[in-house]
Amino acid sequence: FKDSIAADIQSASLVISHAGAGSVSESLGAGKPLVVVINEDLMGNHQTELAAKLKQLNHLFYCTCSTLEETLRSMNLSELQPYKPGNSKLFSSYLDSLMGYSK
């Protein structure tokens, strides 16, 4: 067990991860090429939705356990675009305004 895998991500040349939002965010935030392996058995399958959208934006590759080997063989890392996180201050300012906390 590790408290954090941040150092491992920083030293990696490629990250292969499950498609949880936290893992995806941490890897993309570190600027690492990312392949996410979705869990097809999840109810609602939010992992597929997240992975498909980020693939559409060329931020990562995604696959299932059964297609991982083929994905690794066929992916072209030069297709990936850097992920630029949004400005969280915009959302918090909007929420403050909505709730009547604006100055």
C-alpha atoms as a PDB file:
ATOM      1  CA  PHE A   1       0.000   0.000   0.000  1.00  0.00           C
ATOM      2  CA  LYS A   2       1.168   3.531  -0.814  1.00  0.00           C
ATOM      3  CA  ASP A   3      -0.283   6.768   0.503  1.00  0.00           C
ATOM      4  CA  SER A   4       0.386   8.395  -2.867  1.00  0.00           C
ATOM      5  CA  ILE A   5       1.579   7.363  -6.289  1.00  0.00           C
ATOM      6  CA  ALA A   6       2.424  10.936  -7.338  1.00  0.00           C
ATOM      7  CA  ALA A   7       6.174  10.220  -7.426  1.00  0.00           C
ATOM      8  CA  ASP A   8       5.555   7.094  -9.507  1.00  0.00           C
ATOM      9  CA  ILE A   9       3.444   9.071 -11.966  1.00  0.00           C
ATOM     10  CA  GLN A  10       6.109  11.791 -12.203  1.00  0.00           C
ATOM     11  CA  SER A  11       8.813   9.262 -13.063  1.00  0.00           C
ATOM     12  CA  ALA A  12       6.685   7.298 -15.553  1.00  0.00           C
ATOM     13  CA  SER A  13       6.976   7.658 -19.315  1.00  0.00           C
ATOM     14  CA  LEU A  14       3.453   6.210 -19.722  1.00  0.00           C
ATOM     15  CA  VAL A  15       0.677   5.721 -17.172  1.00  0.00           C
ATOM     16  CA  ILE A  16      -1.808   2.852 -17.437  1.00  0.00           C
ATOM     17  CA  SER A  17      -4.634   3.335 -14.966  1.00  0.00           C
ATOM     18  CA  HIS A  18      -8.221   2.550 -14.215  1.00  0.00           C
ATOM     19  CA  ALA A  19     -10.602   5.245 -15.446  1.00  0.00           C
ATOM     20  CA  GLY A  20     -11.506   6.790 -12.098  1.00  0.00           C
ATOM     21  CA  ALA A  21     -11.776  10.568 -12.199  1.00  0.00           C
ATOM     22  CA  GLY A  22      -9.097  11.095  -9.532  1.00  0.00           C
ATOM     23  CA  SER A  23      -6.552   8.852 -11.229  1.00  0.00           C
ATOM     24  CA  VAL A  24      -7.230  10.392 -14.622  1.00  0.00           C
ATOM     25  CA  SER A  25      -6.972  13.920 -13.235  1.00  0.00           C
ATOM     26  CA  GLU A  26      -3.730  13.206 -11.378  1.00  0.00           C
ATOM     27  CA  SER A  27      -2.067  11.629 -14.422  1.00  0.00           C
ATOM     28  CA  LEU A  28      -3.192  14.276 -16.892  1.00  0.00           C
ATOM     29  CA  GLY A  29      -2.255  17.016 -14.425  1.00  0.00           C
ATOM     30  CA  ALA A  30       1.270  15.571 -14.340  1.00  0.00           C
ATOM     31  CA  GLY A  31       1.415  15.833 -18.132  1.00  0.00           C
ATOM     32  CA  LYS A  32       1.924  12.118 -18.648  1.00  0.00           C
ATOM     33  CA  PRO A  33       0.645  10.077 -21.603  1.00  0.00           C
ATOM     34  CA  LEU A  34      -2.259   8.054 -20.285  1.00  0.00           C
ATOM     35  CA  VAL A  35      -4.068   4.852 -21.183  1.00  0.00           C
ATOM     36  CA  VAL A  36      -7.127   4.173 -19.069  1.00  0.00           C
ATOM     37  CA  VAL A  37      -8.672   0.743 -18.760  1.00  0.00           C
ATOM     38  CA  ILE A  38     -12.390   1.059 -18.186  1.00  0.00           C
ATOM     39  CA  ASN A  39     -14.413  -1.266 -16.004  1.00  0.00           C
ATOM     40  CA  GLU A  40     -17.290  -2.339 -18.232  1.00  0.00           C
ATOM     41  CA  ASP A  41     -19.163  -3.862 -15.292  1.00  0.00           C
ATOM     42  CA  LEU A  42     -19.772  -0.606 -13.414  1.00  0.00           C
ATOM     43  CA  MET A  43     -23.354   0.473 -13.015  1.00  0.00           C
ATOM     44  CA  GLY A  44     -23.969   3.627 -15.062  1.00  0.00           C
ATOM     45  CA  ASN A  45     -20.455   3.277 -16.472  1.00  0.00           C
ATOM     46  CA  HIS A  46     -19.281   6.820 -15.793  1.00  0.00           C
ATOM     47  CA  GLN A  47     -15.726   5.665 -16.513  1.00  0.00           C
ATOM     48  CA  THR A  48     -16.598   5.092 -20.159  1.00  0.00           C
ATOM     49  CA  GLU A  49     -18.226   8.527 -20.433  1.00  0.00           C
ATOM     50  CA  LEU A  50     -15.195  10.277 -18.932  1.00  0.00           C
ATOM     51  CA  ALA A  51     -12.696   8.282 -20.989  1.00  0.00           C
ATOM     52  CA  ALA A  52     -14.613   8.743 -24.247  1.00  0.00           C
ATOM     53  CA  LYS A  53     -14.829  12.512 -23.810  1.00  0.00           C
ATOM     54  CA  LEU A  54     -11.150  12.877 -22.943  1.00  0.00           C
ATOM     55  CA  LYS A  55     -10.224  10.614 -25.882  1.00  0.00           C
ATOM     56  CA  GLN A  56     -12.375  12.777 -28.153  1.00  0.00           C
ATOM     57  CA  LEU A  57     -10.316  15.761 -26.964  1.00  0.00           C
ATOM     58  CA  ASN A  58      -7.094  13.763 -27.607  1.00  0.00           C
ATOM     59  CA  HIS A  59      -5.985  13.800 -23.964  1.00  0.00           C
ATOM     60  CA  LEU A  60      -5.734  10.016 -23.500  1.00  0.00           C
ATOM     61  CA  PHE A  61      -6.319   6.562 -24.932  1.00  0.00           C
ATOM     62  CA  TYR A  62      -8.799   4.142 -23.428  1.00  0.00           C
ATOM     63  CA  CYS A  63      -9.582   0.473 -23.710  1.00  0.00           C
ATOM     64  CA  THR A  64     -10.915  -2.534 -21.840  1.00  0.00           C
ATOM     65  CA  CYS A  65      -8.836  -5.319 -20.299  1.00  0.00           C
ATOM     66  CA  SER A  66      -9.408  -7.401 -23.420  1.00  0.00           C
ATOM     67  CA  THR A  67      -8.236  -4.638 -25.791  1.00  0.00           C
ATOM     68  CA  LEU A  68      -5.293  -3.289 -23.755  1.00  0.00           C
ATOM     69  CA  GLU A  69      -2.614  -5.149 -25.704  1.00  0.00           C
ATOM     70  CA  GLU A  70      -3.957  -3.965 -29.061  1.00  0.00           C
ATOM     71  CA  THR A  71      -4.322  -0.400 -27.769  1.00  0.00           C
ATOM     72  CA  LEU A  72      -0.687  -0.371 -26.639  1.00  0.00           C
ATOM     73  CA  ARG A  73       0.451  -1.678 -30.022  1.00  0.00           C
ATOM     74  CA  SER A  74      -1.594   0.742 -32.114  1.00  0.00           C
ATOM     75  CA  MET A  75      -1.580   3.991 -30.131  1.00  0.00           C
ATOM     76  CA  ASN A  76       0.363   6.964 -31.413  1.00  0.00           C
ATOM     77  CA  LEU A  77       1.452   9.149 -28.501  1.00  0.00           C
ATOM     78  CA  SER A  78       2.063  12.095 -30.828  1.00  0.00           C
ATOM     79  CA  GLU A  79      -1.740  12.363 -31.238  1.00  0.00           C
ATOM     80  CA  LEU A  80      -2.171  13.349 -27.598  1.00  0.00           C
ATOM     81  CA  GLN A  81      -2.807  16.979 -26.671  1.00  0.00           C
ATOM     82  CA  PRO A  82      -1.834  18.432 -23.280  1.00  0.00           C
ATOM     83  CA  TYR A  83      -4.669  18.686 -20.778  1.00  0.00           C
ATOM     84  CA  LYS A  84      -5.242  22.197 -19.484  1.00  0.00           C
ATOM     85  CA  PRO A  85      -7.357  22.188 -16.309  1.00  0.00           C
ATOM     86  CA  GLY A  86     -10.195  24.655 -16.025  1.00  0.00           C
ATOM     87  CA  ASN A  87     -10.204  27.669 -13.741  1.00  0.00           C
ATOM     88  CA  SER A  88     -11.889  26.536 -10.526  1.00  0.00           C
ATOM     89  CA  LYS A  89     -12.183  30.147  -9.371  1.00  0.00           C
ATOM     90  CA  LEU A  90     -14.775  30.789 -12.087  1.00  0.00           C
ATOM     91  CA  PHE A  91     -17.030  28.043 -10.758  1.00  0.00           C
ATOM     92  CA  SER A  92     -16.606  29.054  -7.116  1.00  0.00           C
ATOM     93  CA  SER A  93     -17.344  32.700  -7.986  1.00  0.00           C
ATOM     94  CA  TYR A  94     -20.456  31.656  -9.877  1.00  0.00           C
ATOM     95  CA  LEU A  95     -21.599  29.460  -6.999  1.00  0.00           C
ATOM     96  CA  ASP A  96     -20.969  32.254  -4.466  1.00  0.00           C
ATOM     97  CA  SER A  97     -23.010  34.611  -6.628  1.00  0.00           C
ATOM     98  CA  LEU A  98     -25.808  32.095  -6.995  1.00  0.00           C
ATOM     99  CA  MET A  99     -25.940  31.536  -3.237  1.00  0.00           C
ATOM    100  CA  GLY A 100     -25.852  35.283  -2.471  1.00  0.00           C
ATOM    101  CA  TYR A 101     -22.315  35.371  -1.077  1.00  0.00           C
ATOM    102  CA  SER A 102     -20.963  37.858  -3.622  1.00  0.00           C
ATOM    103  CA  LYS A 103     -19.131  40.908  -2.384  1.00  0.00           C
END
